[in-house]
């Protein structure tokens, strides 16, 4: 799913404003359009109502593993996503085992690698 012409749009869910803005900046530099949500309610609405090519989801929002609810919505809509987290997969109770994990802290190259694996950054040669 893409919105805004041919530019892939990525939903970024991150409660840390500084981290969210940095991820958004990186994605913009890589050629993506983004929608950044800092709060669960806004992220759930966006995930349900907007068109996205991919989701970049912080699992822990304000101390709770509620980012998984956003992943649930994207999964039902067939939108692939990465779970950015300091937690291990075992902490998710078997949910979204197919989704890639991006351990925190992460850097630009790790973000690029995840997007390349998803087919959104073809020709990544690093």
PDB file of N, CA and C in Angstrom:
ATOM      1  N   UNK A   1       0.839  -1.182   0.000  1.00  0.00           N
ATOM      2  CA  UNK A   1       0.000   0.000   0.000  1.00  0.00           C
ATOM      3  C   UNK A   1       0.877   1.235   0.000  1.00  0.00           C
ATOM      4  N   UNK A   2       0.577   2.147  -0.880  1.00  0.00           N
ATOM      5  CA  UNK A   2       1.320   3.387  -0.910  1.00  0.00           C
ATOM      6  C   UNK A   2       0.335   4.537  -0.965  1.00  0.00           C
ATOM      7  N   UNK A   3       0.781   5.647  -0.446  1.00  0.00           N
ATOM      8  CA  UNK A   3      -0.020   6.851  -0.493  1.00  0.00           C
ATOM      9  C   UNK A   3       0.862   7.970  -1.020  1.00  0.00           C
ATOM     10  N   UNK A   4       0.263   9.067  -1.389  1.00  0.00           N
ATOM     11  CA  UNK A   4       1.012  10.232  -1.843  1.00  0.00           C
ATOM     12  C   UNK A   4       1.840   9.914  -3.087  1.00  0.00           C
ATOM     13  N   UNK A   5       1.204   9.464  -4.127  1.00  0.00           N
ATOM     14  CA  UNK A   5       1.911   9.178  -5.369  1.00  0.00           C
ATOM     15  C   UNK A   5       2.702   7.896  -5.280  1.00  0.00           C
ATOM     16  N   UNK A   6       3.950   7.956  -5.722  1.00  0.00           N
ATOM     17  CA  UNK A   6       4.773   6.752  -5.740  1.00  0.00           C
ATOM     18  C   UNK A   6       5.746   6.677  -4.573  1.00  0.00           C
ATOM     19  N   UNK A   7       5.732   7.631  -3.682  1.00  0.00           N
ATOM     20  CA  UNK A   7       6.627   7.625  -2.529  1.00  0.00           C
ATOM     21  C   UNK A   7       6.062   6.708  -1.455  1.00  0.00           C
ATOM     22  N   UNK A   8       6.793   5.650  -1.091  1.00  0.00           N
ATOM     23  CA  UNK A   8       6.299   4.770  -0.021  1.00  0.00           C
ATOM     24  C   UNK A   8       6.151   5.544   1.290  1.00  0.00           C
ATOM     25  N   UNK A   9       5.059   5.291   1.966  1.00  0.00           N
ATOM     26  CA  UNK A   9       4.753   5.987   3.217  1.00  0.00           C
ATOM     27  C   UNK A   9       4.906   5.017   4.376  1.00  0.00           C
ATOM     28  N   UNK A  10       5.608   5.465   5.417  1.00  0.00           N
ATOM     29  CA  UNK A  10       5.892   4.621   6.572  1.00  0.00           C
ATOM     30  C   UNK A  10       5.280   5.235   7.825  1.00  0.00           C
ATOM     31  N   UNK A  11       4.549   4.414   8.573  1.00  0.00           N
ATOM     32  CA  UNK A  11       4.025   4.826   9.870  1.00  0.00           C
ATOM     33  C   UNK A  11       5.122   4.620  10.903  1.00  0.00           C
ATOM     34  N   UNK A  12       5.502   5.694  11.587  1.00  0.00           N
ATOM     35  CA  UNK A  12       6.510   5.635  12.645  1.00  0.00           C
ATOM     36  C   UNK A  12       5.796   5.837  13.972  1.00  0.00           C
ATOM     37  N   UNK A  13       5.892   4.832  14.840  1.00  0.00           N
ATOM     38  CA  UNK A  13       5.277   4.903  16.166  1.00  0.00           C
ATOM     39  C   UNK A  13       6.411   4.895  17.179  1.00  0.00           C
ATOM     40  N   UNK A  14       6.595   6.019  17.874  1.00  0.00           N
ATOM     41  CA  UNK A  14       7.704   6.175  18.816  1.00  0.00           C
ATOM     42  C   UNK A  14       7.310   7.218  19.851  1.00  0.00           C
ATOM     43  N   UNK A  15       7.328   6.837  21.136  1.00  0.00           N
ATOM     44  CA  UNK A  15       6.925   7.769  22.183  1.00  0.00           C
ATOM     45  C   UNK A  15       8.019   8.754  22.567  1.00  0.00           C
ATOM     46  N   UNK A  16       9.271   8.446  22.289  1.00  0.00           N
ATOM     47  CA  UNK A  16      10.375   9.365  22.561  1.00  0.00           C
ATOM     48  C   UNK A  16      10.460  10.342  21.389  1.00  0.00           C
ATOM     49  N   UNK A  17      10.152  11.606  21.658  1.00  0.00           N
ATOM     50  CA  UNK A  17      10.067  12.607  20.597  1.00  0.00           C
ATOM     51  C   UNK A  17      11.381  12.729  19.833  1.00  0.00           C
ATOM     52  N   UNK A  18      12.503  12.764  20.539  1.00  0.00           N
ATOM     53  CA  UNK A  18      13.806  12.921  19.887  1.00  0.00           C
ATOM     54  C   UNK A  18      14.103  11.732  18.972  1.00  0.00           C
ATOM     55  N   UNK A  19      13.879  10.524  19.474  1.00  0.00           N
ATOM     56  CA  UNK A  19      14.116   9.318  18.670  1.00  0.00           C
ATOM     57  C   UNK A  19      13.176   9.303  17.466  1.00  0.00           C
ATOM     58  N   UNK A  20      11.912   9.618  17.690  1.00  0.00           N
ATOM     59  CA  UNK A  20      10.940   9.626  16.599  1.00  0.00           C
ATOM     60  C   UNK A  20      11.304  10.601  15.498  1.00  0.00           C
ATOM     61  N   UNK A  21      11.729  11.799  15.887  1.00  0.00           N
ATOM     62  CA  UNK A  21      12.121  12.789  14.888  1.00  0.00           C
ATOM     63  C   UNK A  21      13.366  12.347  14.128  1.00  0.00           C
ATOM     64  N   UNK A  22      14.297  11.685  14.819  1.00  0.00           N
ATOM     65  CA  UNK A  22      15.509  11.186  14.151  1.00  0.00           C
ATOM     66  C   UNK A  22      15.156  10.080  13.148  1.00  0.00           C
ATOM     67  N   UNK A  23      14.290   9.158  13.548  1.00  0.00           N
ATOM     68  CA  UNK A  23      13.861   8.097  12.627  1.00  0.00           C
ATOM     69  C   UNK A  23      13.162   8.714  11.418  1.00  0.00           C
ATOM     70  N   UNK A  24      12.303   9.667  11.681  1.00  0.00           N
ATOM     71  CA  UNK A  24      11.593  10.341  10.594  1.00  0.00           C
ATOM     72  C   UNK A  24      12.583  11.023   9.637  1.00  0.00           C
ATOM     73  N   UNK A  25      13.598  11.675  10.189  1.00  0.00           N
ATOM     74  CA  UNK A  25      14.625  12.335   9.378  1.00  0.00           C
ATOM     75  C   UNK A  25      15.386  11.322   8.511  1.00  0.00           C
ATOM     76  N   UNK A  26      15.773  10.198   9.113  1.00  0.00           N
ATOM     77  CA  UNK A  26      16.483   9.148   8.377  1.00  0.00           C
ATOM     78  C   UNK A  26      15.620   8.631   7.236  1.00  0.00           C
ATOM     79  N   UNK A  27      14.362   8.350   7.526  1.00  0.00           N
ATOM     80  CA  UNK A  27      13.460   7.821   6.499  1.00  0.00           C
ATOM     81  C   UNK A  27      13.242   8.828   5.379  1.00  0.00           C
ATOM     82  N   UNK A  28      13.129  10.092   5.733  1.00  0.00           N
ATOM     83  CA  UNK A  28      12.979  11.142   4.723  1.00  0.00           C
ATOM     84  C   UNK A  28      14.209  11.186   3.820  1.00  0.00           C
ATOM     85  N   UNK A  29      15.406  11.107   4.434  1.00  0.00           N
ATOM     86  CA  UNK A  29      16.651  11.123   3.657  1.00  0.00           C
ATOM     87  C   UNK A  29      16.760   9.910   2.738  1.00  0.00           C
ATOM     88  N   UNK A  30      16.126   8.811   3.121  1.00  0.00           N
ATOM     89  CA  UNK A  30      16.124   7.599   2.298  1.00  0.00           C
ATOM     90  C   UNK A  30      15.031   7.620   1.228  1.00  0.00           C
ATOM     91  N   UNK A  31      14.230   8.689   1.218  1.00  0.00           N
ATOM     92  CA  UNK A  31      13.233   8.846   0.167  1.00  0.00           C
ATOM     93  C   UNK A  31      11.819   8.439   0.526  1.00  0.00           C
ATOM     94  N   UNK A  32      11.528   8.308   1.811  1.00  0.00           N
ATOM     95  CA  UNK A  32      10.196   7.893   2.244  1.00  0.00           C
ATOM     96  C   UNK A  32       9.400   9.067   2.784  1.00  0.00           C
ATOM     97  N   UNK A  33       8.094   8.945   2.678  1.00  0.00           N
ATOM     98  CA  UNK A  33       7.159   9.839   3.345  1.00  0.00           C
ATOM     99  C   UNK A  33       6.823   9.162   4.671  1.00  0.00           C
ATOM    100  N   UNK A  34       6.581   9.926   5.708  1.00  0.00           N
ATOM    101  CA  UNK A  34       6.300   9.328   7.015  1.00  0.00           C
ATOM    102  C   UNK A  34       5.115   9.995   7.687  1.00  0.00           C
ATOM    103  N   UNK A  35       4.551   9.264   8.627  1.00  0.00           N
ATOM    104  CA  UNK A  35       3.621   9.840   9.586  1.00  0.00           C
ATOM    105  C   UNK A  35       4.104   9.397  10.947  1.00  0.00           C
ATOM    106  N   UNK A  36       4.454  10.350  11.788  1.00  0.00           N
ATOM    107  CA  UNK A  36       4.990  10.072  13.116  1.00  0.00           C
ATOM    108  C   UNK A  36       3.886  10.204  14.154  1.00  0.00           C
ATOM    109  N   UNK A  37       3.720   9.169  14.970  1.00  0.00           N
ATOM    110  CA  UNK A  37       2.738   9.177  16.054  1.00  0.00           C
ATOM    111  C   UNK A  37       3.461   8.906  17.368  1.00  0.00           C
ATOM    112  N   UNK A  38       3.260   9.783  18.335  1.00  0.00           N
ATOM    113  CA  UNK A  38       3.880   9.631  19.651  1.00  0.00           C
ATOM    114  C   UNK A  38       2.945   8.971  20.656  1.00  0.00           C
ATOM    115  N   UNK A  39       1.651   8.942  20.343  1.00  0.00           N
ATOM    116  CA  UNK A  39       0.663   8.398  21.281  1.00  0.00           C
ATOM    117  C   UNK A  39      -0.066   7.220  20.660  1.00  0.00           C
ATOM    118  N   UNK A  40      -0.425   6.256  21.511  1.00  0.00           N
ATOM    119  CA  UNK A  40      -1.082   5.035  21.059  1.00  0.00           C
ATOM    120  C   UNK A  40      -2.368   5.324  20.300  1.00  0.00           C
ATOM    121  N   UNK A  41      -3.205   6.199  20.825  1.00  0.00           N
ATOM    122  CA  UNK A  41      -4.501   6.462  20.201  1.00  0.00           C
ATOM    123  C   UNK A  41      -4.334   6.972  18.773  1.00  0.00           C
ATOM    124  N   UNK A  42      -3.395   7.889  18.582  1.00  0.00           N
ATOM    125  CA  UNK A  42      -3.149   8.432  17.247  1.00  0.00           C
ATOM    126  C   UNK A  42      -2.584   7.366  16.318  1.00  0.00           C
ATOM    127  N   UNK A  43      -1.705   6.528  16.850  1.00  0.00           N
ATOM    128  CA  UNK A  43      -1.102   5.461  16.045  1.00  0.00           C
ATOM    129  C   UNK A  43      -2.147   4.440  15.613  1.00  0.00           C
ATOM    130  N   UNK A  44      -3.049   4.077  16.519  1.00  0.00           N
ATOM    131  CA  UNK A  44      -4.100   3.115  16.179  1.00  0.00           C
ATOM    132  C   UNK A  44      -5.023   3.659  15.094  1.00  0.00           C
ATOM    133  N   UNK A  45      -5.376   4.926  15.211  1.00  0.00           N
ATOM    134  CA  UNK A  45      -6.237   5.555  14.207  1.00  0.00           C
ATOM    135  C   UNK A  45      -5.538   5.609  12.855  1.00  0.00           C
ATOM    136  N   UNK A  46      -4.287   6.029  12.853  1.00  0.00           N
ATOM    137  CA  UNK A  46      -3.531   6.102  11.598  1.00  0.00           C
ATOM    138  C   UNK A  46      -3.390   4.720  10.975  1.00  0.00           C
ATOM    139  N   UNK A  47      -3.046   3.720  11.785  1.00  0.00           N
ATOM    140  CA  UNK A  47      -2.857   2.353  11.278  1.00  0.00           C
ATOM    141  C   UNK A  47      -4.138   1.808  10.660  1.00  0.00           C
ATOM    142  N   UNK A  48      -5.282   2.192  11.221  1.00  0.00           N
ATOM    143  CA  UNK A  48      -6.569   1.693  10.730  1.00  0.00           C
ATOM    144  C   UNK A  48      -7.084   2.459   9.516  1.00  0.00           C
ATOM    145  N   UNK A  49      -6.777   3.758   9.447  1.00  0.00           N
ATOM    146  CA  UNK A  49      -7.431   4.612   8.461  1.00  0.00           C
ATOM    147  C   UNK A  49      -6.555   5.082   7.303  1.00  0.00           C
ATOM    148  N   UNK A  50      -5.249   5.075   7.470  1.00  0.00           N
ATOM    149  CA  UNK A  50      -4.347   5.616   6.451  1.00  0.00           C
ATOM    150  C   UNK A  50      -3.691   4.495   5.650  1.00  0.00           C
ATOM    151  N   UNK A  51      -3.115   4.843   4.513  1.00  0.00           N
ATOM    152  CA  UNK A  51      -2.404   3.874   3.677  1.00  0.00           C
ATOM    153  C   UNK A  51      -0.907   3.960   3.946  1.00  0.00           C
ATOM    154  N   UNK A  52      -0.306   2.820   4.239  1.00  0.00           N
ATOM    155  CA  UNK A  52       1.127   2.758   4.509  1.00  0.00           C
ATOM    156  C   UNK A  52       1.743   1.585   3.765  1.00  0.00           C
ATOM    157  N   UNK A  53       3.007   1.753   3.385  1.00  0.00           N
ATOM    158  CA  UNK A  53       3.768   0.659   2.791  1.00  0.00           C
ATOM    159  C   UNK A  53       4.442  -0.177   3.868  1.00  0.00           C
ATOM    160  N   UNK A  54       4.642   0.435   5.059  1.00  0.00           N
ATOM    161  CA  UNK A  54       5.412  -0.233   6.105  1.00  0.00           C
ATOM    162  C   UNK A  54       5.152   0.464   7.433  1.00  0.00           C
ATOM    163  N   UNK A  55       5.377  -0.271   8.521  1.00  0.00           N
ATOM    164  CA  UNK A  55       5.275   0.296   9.859  1.00  0.00           C
ATOM    165  C   UNK A  55       6.590   0.148  10.606  1.00  0.00           C
ATOM    166  N   UNK A  56       6.961   1.172  11.325  1.00  0.00           N
ATOM    167  CA  UNK A  56       8.172   1.190  12.144  1.00  0.00           C
ATOM    168  C   UNK A  56       7.681   1.434  13.569  1.00  0.00           C
ATOM    169  N   UNK A  57       7.559   0.363  14.362  1.00  0.00           N
ATOM    170  CA  UNK A  57       6.802   0.430  15.609  1.00  0.00           C
ATOM    171  C   UNK A  57       7.678   0.215  16.832  1.00  0.00           C
ATOM    172  N   UNK A  58       7.689   1.205  17.709  1.00  0.00           N
ATOM    173  CA  UNK A  58       8.285   1.053  19.035  1.00  0.00           C
ATOM    174  C   UNK A  58       7.281   0.238  19.847  1.00  0.00           C
ATOM    175  N   UNK A  59       7.720  -0.879  20.380  1.00  0.00           N
ATOM    176  CA  UNK A  59       6.817  -1.769  21.110  1.00  0.00           C
ATOM    177  C   UNK A  59       6.406  -1.169  22.450  1.00  0.00           C
ATOM    178  N   UNK A  60       7.351  -0.550  23.147  1.00  0.00           N
ATOM    179  CA  UNK A  60       7.108  -0.014  24.483  1.00  0.00           C
ATOM    180  C   UNK A  60       6.757   1.468  24.379  1.00  0.00           C
ATOM    181  N   UNK A  61       5.493   1.774  24.599  1.00  0.00           N
ATOM    182  CA  UNK A  61       5.052   3.160  24.601  1.00  0.00           C
ATOM    183  C   UNK A  61       4.694   3.557  26.022  1.00  0.00           C
ATOM    184  N   UNK A  62       5.448   4.492  26.560  1.00  0.00           N
ATOM    185  CA  UNK A  62       5.221   4.995  27.919  1.00  0.00           C
ATOM    186  C   UNK A  62       5.197   3.888  28.966  1.00  0.00           C
ATOM    187  N   UNK A  63       6.086   2.911  28.816  1.00  0.00           N
ATOM    188  CA  UNK A  63       6.235   1.866  29.817  1.00  0.00           C
ATOM    189  C   UNK A  63       5.360   0.639  29.640  1.00  0.00           C
ATOM    190  N   UNK A  64       4.584   0.589  28.586  1.00  0.00           N
ATOM    191  CA  UNK A  64       3.697  -0.551  28.348  1.00  0.00           C
ATOM    192  C   UNK A  64       3.935  -1.108  26.945  1.00  0.00           C
ATOM    193  N   UNK A  65       3.767  -2.409  26.778  1.00  0.00           N
ATOM    194  CA  UNK A  65       3.989  -3.057  25.484  1.00  0.00           C
ATOM    195  C   UNK A  65       2.776  -2.905  24.565  1.00  0.00           C
ATOM    196  N   UNK A  66       2.256  -1.702  24.465  1.00  0.00           N
ATOM    197  CA  UNK A  66       1.034  -1.458  23.703  1.00  0.00           C
ATOM    198  C   UNK A  66       1.289  -1.210  22.220  1.00  0.00           C
ATOM    199  N   UNK A  67       2.542  -1.042  21.828  1.00  0.00           N
ATOM    200  CA  UNK A  67       2.846  -0.899  20.411  1.00  0.00           C
ATOM    201  C   UNK A  67       2.419  -2.122  19.621  1.00  0.00           C
ATOM    202  N   UNK A  68       2.312  -3.256  20.321  1.00  0.00           N
ATOM    203  CA  UNK A  68       1.855  -4.481  19.662  1.00  0.00           C
ATOM    204  C   UNK A  68       0.428  -4.345  19.138  1.00  0.00           C
ATOM    205  N   UNK A  69      -0.378  -3.497  19.771  1.00  0.00           N
ATOM    206  CA  UNK A  69      -1.747  -3.273  19.288  1.00  0.00           C
ATOM    207  C   UNK A  69      -1.728  -2.598  17.917  1.00  0.00           C
ATOM    208  N   UNK A  70      -0.776  -1.703  17.700  1.00  0.00           N
ATOM    209  CA  UNK A  70      -0.632  -1.066  16.390  1.00  0.00           C
ATOM    210  C   UNK A  70      -0.192  -2.116  15.369  1.00  0.00           C
ATOM    211  N   UNK A  71       0.729  -2.984  15.780  1.00  0.00           N
ATOM    212  CA  UNK A  71       1.169  -4.076  14.909  1.00  0.00           C
ATOM    213  C   UNK A  71      -0.007  -4.977  14.538  1.00  0.00           C
ATOM    214  N   UNK A  72      -0.909  -5.222  15.489  1.00  0.00           N
ATOM    215  CA  UNK A  72      -2.098  -6.034  15.209  1.00  0.00           C
ATOM    216  C   UNK A  72      -2.918  -5.429  14.069  1.00  0.00           C
ATOM    217  N   UNK A  73      -3.129  -4.118  14.134  1.00  0.00           N
ATOM    218  CA  UNK A  73      -3.933  -3.434  13.115  1.00  0.00           C
ATOM    219  C   UNK A  73      -3.244  -3.513  11.751  1.00  0.00           C
ATOM    220  N   UNK A  74      -1.952  -3.211  11.725  1.00  0.00           N
ATOM    221  CA  UNK A  74      -1.225  -3.274  10.452  1.00  0.00           C
ATOM    222  C   UNK A  74      -1.229  -4.691   9.891  1.00  0.00           C
ATOM    223  N   UNK A  75      -1.054  -5.673  10.764  1.00  0.00           N
ATOM    224  CA  UNK A  75      -1.040  -7.071  10.337  1.00  0.00           C
ATOM    225  C   UNK A  75      -2.376  -7.453   9.693  1.00  0.00           C
ATOM    226  N   UNK A  76      -3.486  -7.051  10.306  1.00  0.00           N
ATOM    227  CA  UNK A  76      -4.812  -7.340   9.747  1.00  0.00           C
ATOM    228  C   UNK A  76      -4.991  -6.700   8.371  1.00  0.00           C
ATOM    229  N   UNK A  77      -4.323  -5.576   8.159  1.00  0.00           N
ATOM    230  CA  UNK A  77      -4.434  -4.865   6.880  1.00  0.00           C
ATOM    231  C   UNK A  77      -3.394  -5.329   5.859  1.00  0.00           C
ATOM    232  N   UNK A  78      -2.528  -6.255   6.265  1.00  0.00           N
ATOM    233  CA  UNK A  78      -1.513  -6.767   5.348  1.00  0.00           C
ATOM    234  C   UNK A  78      -0.323  -5.849   5.149  1.00  0.00           C
ATOM    235  N   UNK A  79      -0.101  -4.947   6.097  1.00  0.00           N
ATOM    236  CA  UNK A  79       1.021  -4.007   6.015  1.00  0.00           C
ATOM    237  C   UNK A  79       2.189  -4.567   6.825  1.00  0.00           C
ATOM    238  N   UNK A  80       3.341  -4.793   6.201  1.00  0.00           N
ATOM    239  CA  UNK A  80       4.493  -5.307   6.946  1.00  0.00           C
ATOM    240  C   UNK A  80       5.050  -4.238   7.887  1.00  0.00           C
ATOM    241  N   UNK A  81       5.776  -4.688   8.902  1.00  0.00           N
ATOM    242  CA  UNK A  81       6.310  -3.759   9.899  1.00  0.00           C
ATOM    243  C   UNK A  81       7.518  -4.365  10.580  1.00  0.00           C
ATOM    244  N   UNK A  82       8.280  -3.496  11.237  1.00  0.00           N
ATOM    245  CA  UNK A  82       9.387  -3.904  12.093  1.00  0.00           C
ATOM    246  C   UNK A  82       9.032  -3.481  13.512  1.00  0.00           C
ATOM    247  N   UNK A  83       9.424  -4.307  14.470  1.00  0.00           N
ATOM    248  CA  UNK A  83       9.222  -3.988  15.878  1.00  0.00           C
ATOM    249  C   UNK A  83      10.549  -3.505  16.445  1.00  0.00           C
ATOM    250  N   UNK A  84      10.614  -2.230  16.767  1.00  0.00           N
ATOM    251  CA  UNK A  84      11.805  -1.635  17.361  1.00  0.00           C
ATOM    252  C   UNK A  84      11.668  -1.754  18.874  1.00  0.00           C
ATOM    253  N   UNK A  85      12.629  -2.415  19.505  1.00  0.00           N
ATOM    254  CA  UNK A  85      12.440  -2.709  20.921  1.00  0.00           C
ATOM    255  C   UNK A  85      13.737  -3.068  21.627  1.00  0.00           C
ATOM    256  N   UNK A  86      13.720  -2.887  22.913  1.00  0.00           N
ATOM    257  CA  UNK A  86      14.789  -3.381  23.764  1.00  0.00           C
ATOM    258  C   UNK A  86      14.410  -4.711  24.386  1.00  0.00           C
ATOM    259  N   UNK A  87      13.209  -5.187  24.099  1.00  0.00           N
ATOM    260  CA  UNK A  87      12.706  -6.446  24.636  1.00  0.00           C
ATOM    261  C   UNK A  87      13.081  -7.600  23.713  1.00  0.00           C
ATOM    262  N   UNK A  88      12.938  -8.806  24.223  1.00  0.00           N
ATOM    263  CA  UNK A  88      13.159  -9.986  23.386  1.00  0.00           C
ATOM    264  C   UNK A  88      11.809 -10.477  22.869  1.00  0.00           C
ATOM    265  N   UNK A  89      11.846 -11.291  21.854  1.00  0.00           N
ATOM    266  CA  UNK A  89      10.626 -11.820  21.247  1.00  0.00           C
ATOM    267  C   UNK A  89       9.770 -12.585  22.269  1.00  0.00           C
ATOM    268  N   UNK A  90      10.401 -13.241  23.236  1.00  0.00           N
ATOM    269  CA  UNK A  90       9.671 -14.008  24.254  1.00  0.00           C
ATOM    270  C   UNK A  90       8.729 -13.121  25.069  1.00  0.00           C
ATOM    271  N   UNK A  91       9.043 -11.831  25.169  1.00  0.00           N
ATOM    272  CA  UNK A  91       8.204 -10.908  25.937  1.00  0.00           C
ATOM    273  C   UNK A  91       6.885 -10.586  25.242  1.00  0.00           C
ATOM    274  N   UNK A  92       6.734 -11.002  23.993  1.00  0.00           N
ATOM    275  CA  UNK A  92       5.542 -10.649  23.224  1.00  0.00           C
ATOM    276  C   UNK A  92       4.474 -11.723  23.242  1.00  0.00           C
ATOM    277  N   UNK A  93       4.662 -12.773  23.997  1.00  0.00           N
ATOM    278  CA  UNK A  93       3.648 -13.813  24.115  1.00  0.00           C
ATOM    279  C   UNK A  93       3.297 -14.494  22.806  1.00  0.00           C
ATOM    280  N   UNK A  94       4.265 -14.657  21.925  1.00  0.00           N
ATOM    281  CA  UNK A  94       4.018 -15.336  20.659  1.00  0.00           C
ATOM    282  C   UNK A  94       3.416 -14.470  19.572  1.00  0.00           C
ATOM    283  N   UNK A  95       3.183 -13.207  19.863  1.00  0.00           N
ATOM    284  CA  UNK A  95       2.596 -12.306  18.860  1.00  0.00           C
ATOM    285  C   UNK A  95       3.653 -11.830  17.864  1.00  0.00           C
ATOM    286  N   UNK A  96       3.287 -11.808  16.631  1.00  0.00           N
ATOM    287  CA  UNK A  96       4.085 -11.232  15.542  1.00  0.00           C
ATOM    288  C   UNK A  96       5.475 -11.840  15.429  1.00  0.00           C
ATOM    289  N   UNK A  97       5.516 -13.156  15.507  1.00  0.00           N
ATOM    290  CA  UNK A  97       6.798 -13.848  15.399  1.00  0.00           C
ATOM    291  C   UNK A  97       7.426 -13.700  14.020  1.00  0.00           C
ATOM    292  N   UNK A  98       6.625 -13.390  13.004  1.00  0.00           N
ATOM    293  CA  UNK A  98       7.149 -13.230  11.651  1.00  0.00           C
ATOM    294  C   UNK A  98       7.794 -11.863  11.446  1.00  0.00           C
ATOM    295  N   UNK A  99       7.484 -10.914  12.299  1.00  0.00           N
ATOM    296  CA  UNK A  99       7.984  -9.546  12.119  1.00  0.00           C
ATOM    297  C   UNK A  99       9.454  -9.448  12.516  1.00  0.00           C
ATOM    298  N   UNK A 100      10.228  -8.699  11.741  1.00  0.00           N
ATOM    299  CA  UNK A 100      11.618  -8.493  12.137  1.00  0.00           C
ATOM    300  C   UNK A 100      11.697  -7.643  13.400  1.00  0.00           C
ATOM    301  N   UNK A 101      12.716  -7.918  14.205  1.00  0.00           N
ATOM    302  CA  UNK A 101      12.994  -7.114  15.396  1.00  0.00           C
ATOM    303  C   UNK A 101      14.181  -6.214  15.105  1.00  0.00           C
ATOM    304  N   UNK A 102      14.087  -4.981  15.529  1.00  0.00           N
ATOM    305  CA  UNK A 102      15.188  -4.038  15.434  1.00  0.00           C
ATOM    306  C   UNK A 102      15.562  -3.665  16.861  1.00  0.00           C
ATOM    307  N   UNK A 103      16.623  -4.292  17.402  1.00  0.00           N
ATOM    308  CA  UNK A 103      16.989  -4.031  18.794  1.00  0.00           C
ATOM    309  C   UNK A 103      17.413  -2.579  19.003  1.00  0.00           C
ATOM    310  N   UNK A 104      16.940  -2.012  20.103  1.00  0.00           N
ATOM    311  CA  UNK A 104      17.351  -0.663  20.485  1.00  0.00           C
ATOM    312  C   UNK A 104      18.614  -0.762  21.331  1.00  0.00           C
ATOM    313  N   UNK A 105      19.519   0.177  21.205  1.00  0.00           N
ATOM    314  CA  UNK A 105      19.513   1.275  20.231  1.00  0.00           C
ATOM    315  C   UNK A 105      19.941   0.780  18.856  1.00  0.00           C
ATOM    316  N   UNK A 106      19.464   1.448  17.827  1.00  0.00           N
ATOM    317  CA  UNK A 106      19.777   1.076  16.453  1.00  0.00           C
ATOM    318  C   UNK A 106      20.386   2.280  15.747  1.00  0.00           C
ATOM    319  N   UNK A 107      20.986   2.018  14.587  1.00  0.00           N
ATOM    320  CA  UNK A 107      21.595   3.107  13.830  1.00  0.00           C
ATOM    321  C   UNK A 107      21.053   3.127  12.400  1.00  0.00           C
ATOM    322  N   UNK A 108      21.550   4.059  11.614  1.00  0.00           N
ATOM    323  CA  UNK A 108      21.064   4.250  10.250  1.00  0.00           C
ATOM    324  C   UNK A 108      21.220   2.980   9.421  1.00  0.00           C
ATOM    325  N   UNK A 109      22.364   2.334   9.526  1.00  0.00           N
ATOM    326  CA  UNK A 109      22.596   1.128   8.715  1.00  0.00           C
ATOM    327  C   UNK A 109      21.621   0.009   9.069  1.00  0.00           C
ATOM    328  N   UNK A 110      21.280  -0.100  10.334  1.00  0.00           N
ATOM    329  CA  UNK A 110      20.312  -1.133  10.736  1.00  0.00           C
ATOM    330  C   UNK A 110      18.922  -0.816  10.193  1.00  0.00           C
ATOM    331  N   UNK A 111      18.556   0.454  10.191  1.00  0.00           N
ATOM    332  CA  UNK A 111      17.276   0.861   9.604  1.00  0.00           C
ATOM    333  C   UNK A 111      17.279   0.554   8.108  1.00  0.00           C
ATOM    334  N   UNK A 112      18.363   0.898   7.434  1.00  0.00           N
ATOM    335  CA  UNK A 112      18.482   0.606   6.005  1.00  0.00           C
ATOM    336  C   UNK A 112      18.362  -0.892   5.736  1.00  0.00           C
ATOM    337  N   UNK A 113      19.019  -1.705   6.557  1.00  0.00           N
ATOM    338  CA  UNK A 113      18.988  -3.162   6.362  1.00  0.00           C
ATOM    339  C   UNK A 113      17.577  -3.718   6.506  1.00  0.00           C
ATOM    340  N   UNK A 114      16.832  -3.225   7.489  1.00  0.00           N
ATOM    341  CA  UNK A 114      15.451  -3.678   7.692  1.00  0.00           C
ATOM    342  C   UNK A 114      14.593  -3.311   6.485  1.00  0.00           C
ATOM    343  N   UNK A 115      14.742  -2.088   6.006  1.00  0.00           N
ATOM    344  CA  UNK A 115      13.955  -1.646   4.855  1.00  0.00           C
ATOM    345  C   UNK A 115      14.359  -2.396   3.588  1.00  0.00           C
ATOM    346  N   UNK A 116      15.632  -2.691   3.454  1.00  0.00           N
ATOM    347  CA  UNK A 116      16.108  -3.482   2.313  1.00  0.00           C
ATOM    348  C   UNK A 116      15.502  -4.885   2.357  1.00  0.00           C
ATOM    349  N   UNK A 117      15.504  -5.506   3.528  1.00  0.00           N
ATOM    350  CA  UNK A 117      14.923  -6.849   3.680  1.00  0.00           C
ATOM    351  C   UNK A 117      13.439  -6.864   3.341  1.00  0.00           C
ATOM    352  N   UNK A 118      12.774  -5.736   3.585  1.00  0.00           N
ATOM    353  CA  UNK A 118      11.341  -5.628   3.285  1.00  0.00           C
ATOM    354  C   UNK A 118      11.086  -5.308   1.813  1.00  0.00           C
ATOM    355  N   UNK A 119      12.165  -5.118   1.045  1.00  0.00           N
ATOM    356  CA  UNK A 119      12.008  -4.801  -0.368  1.00  0.00           C
ATOM    357  C   UNK A 119      11.734  -3.341  -0.654  1.00  0.00           C
ATOM    358  N   UNK A 120      11.912  -2.488   0.352  1.00  0.00           N
ATOM    359  CA  UNK A 120      11.643  -1.062   0.178  1.00  0.00           C
ATOM    360  C   UNK A 120      12.882  -0.267  -0.211  1.00  0.00           C
ATOM    361  N   UNK A 121      14.058  -0.865  -0.069  1.00  0.00           N
ATOM    362  CA  UNK A 121      15.315  -0.212  -0.454  1.00  0.00           C
ATOM    363  C   UNK A 121      16.089  -1.142  -1.378  1.00  0.00           C
ATOM    364  N   UNK A 122      15.662  -1.273  -2.604  1.00  0.00           N
ATOM    365  CA  UNK A 122      16.385  -2.168  -3.508  1.00  0.00           C
ATOM    366  C   UNK A 122      17.775  -1.625  -3.806  1.00  0.00           C
ATOM    367  N   UNK A 123      18.699  -2.543  -4.026  1.00  0.00           N
ATOM    368  CA  UNK A 123      20.041  -2.154  -4.433  1.00  0.00           C
ATOM    369  C   UNK A 123      20.929  -1.652  -3.323  1.00  0.00           C
ATOM    370  N   UNK A 124      20.575  -1.920  -2.073  1.00  0.00           N
ATOM    371  CA  UNK A 124      21.420  -1.490  -0.965  1.00  0.00           C
ATOM    372  C   UNK A 124      22.716  -2.273  -1.032  1.00  0.00           C
ATOM    373  N   UNK A 125      23.813  -1.564  -1.199  1.00  0.00           N
ATOM    374  CA  UNK A 125      25.085  -2.247  -1.382  1.00  0.00           C
ATOM    375  C   UNK A 125      26.086  -1.992  -0.294  1.00  0.00           C
ATOM    376  N   UNK A 126      25.707  -2.128   0.946  1.00  0.00           N
ATOM    377  CA  UNK A 126      26.653  -1.884   2.040  1.00  0.00           C
ATOM    378  C   UNK A 126      27.026  -3.147   2.716  1.00  0.00           C
TER     379      UNK A 126
END
